[in-house]
Amino acid sequence: MENIQFHAPVRPGMELHGQMEITDIQFKREDRALVTLQGTLSCDGQVLFEITNTAWIWGRARK
């Protein structure tokens, strides 16, 4: 996780909505890629939490 920002507290009973977006894919080998994701968690239109994460994703070799 590269960037975590807490903008407001989460309280019991809040209805939360999340979203993740793939912002970058870098193929490093045939069977894996470095994927960057940006996500938010919000309530009633107010962003409570933001994160940027980079993860290795393995898959079948491309032909």
Protein backbone atom coordinates (compact mmCIF):
# COMPACT_ATOMS: atom_id res chain seq x y z
CA MET A 1 0.00 0.00 0.00
CA GLU A 2 1.51 3.24 -1.11
CA ASN A 3 -0.92 5.91 -0.04
CA ILE A 4 -3.58 5.67 2.67
CA GLN A 5 -5.63 8.70 3.69
CA PHE A 6 -8.35 8.78 6.33
CA HIS A 7 -10.54 11.85 5.81
CA ALA A 8 -13.30 11.23 8.37
CA PRO A 9 -14.24 8.60 10.97
CA VAL A 10 -16.56 5.68 10.27
CA ARG A 11 -19.40 5.36 12.77
CA PRO A 12 -21.69 2.40 13.59
CA GLY A 13 -24.76 2.32 11.37
CA MET A 14 -23.17 4.16 8.43
CA GLU A 15 -23.88 2.70 4.99
CA LEU A 16 -20.54 2.57 3.20
CA HIS A 17 -19.88 2.42 -0.54
CA GLY A 18 -16.53 1.44 -2.05
CA GLN A 19 -14.94 1.72 -5.45
CA MET A 20 -11.66 0.39 -6.89
CA GLU A 21 -10.16 1.42 -10.23
CA ILE A 22 -7.22 -0.15 -12.04
CA THR A 23 -5.00 2.79 -12.99
CA ASP A 24 -1.95 0.99 -14.39
CA ILE A 25 -0.87 -2.45 -15.59
CA GLN A 26 2.79 -3.23 -16.25
CA PHE A 27 3.48 -6.69 -17.69
CA LYS A 28 6.78 -7.85 -16.20
CA ARG A 29 6.77 -11.42 -17.54
CA GLU A 30 4.43 -13.59 -19.58
CA ASP A 31 2.63 -14.86 -16.49
CA ARG A 32 2.53 -11.83 -14.18
CA ALA A 33 1.83 -8.11 -14.09
CA LEU A 34 2.25 -5.30 -11.60
CA VAL A 35 -1.21 -3.74 -11.18
CA THR A 36 -1.88 -0.36 -9.53
CA LEU A 37 -5.31 0.25 -8.01
CA GLN A 38 -6.90 3.35 -6.50
CA GLY A 39 -9.86 3.02 -4.19
CA THR A 40 -12.26 5.05 -2.11
CA LEU A 41 -14.75 4.37 0.66
CA SER A 42 -17.57 6.87 1.05
CA CYS A 43 -20.82 7.57 2.88
CA ASP A 44 -23.55 9.89 1.56
CA GLY A 45 -21.18 11.27 -1.08
CA GLN A 46 -18.42 12.13 1.41
CA VAL A 47 -15.11 10.33 0.83
CA LEU A 48 -13.96 8.83 4.12
CA PHE A 49 -10.94 6.81 3.00
CA GLU A 50 -8.62 6.71 -0.03
CA ILE A 51 -5.96 4.17 -0.91
CA THR A 52 -3.45 3.42 -3.66
CA ASN A 53 -2.18 -0.15 -3.81
CA THR A 54 0.20 -2.01 -6.10
CA ALA A 55 -0.04 -5.79 -6.34
CA TRP A 56 1.48 -8.62 -8.34
CA ILE A 57 -1.17 -10.49 -10.31
CA TRP A 58 -0.34 -13.91 -11.68
CA GLY A 59 -2.16 -15.51 -14.58
CA ARG A 60 -1.76 -17.77 -17.54
CA ALA A 61 1.03 -17.03 -19.96
CA ARG A 62 -0.18 -14.92 -22.88
CA LYS A 63 0.10 -16.54 -26.31
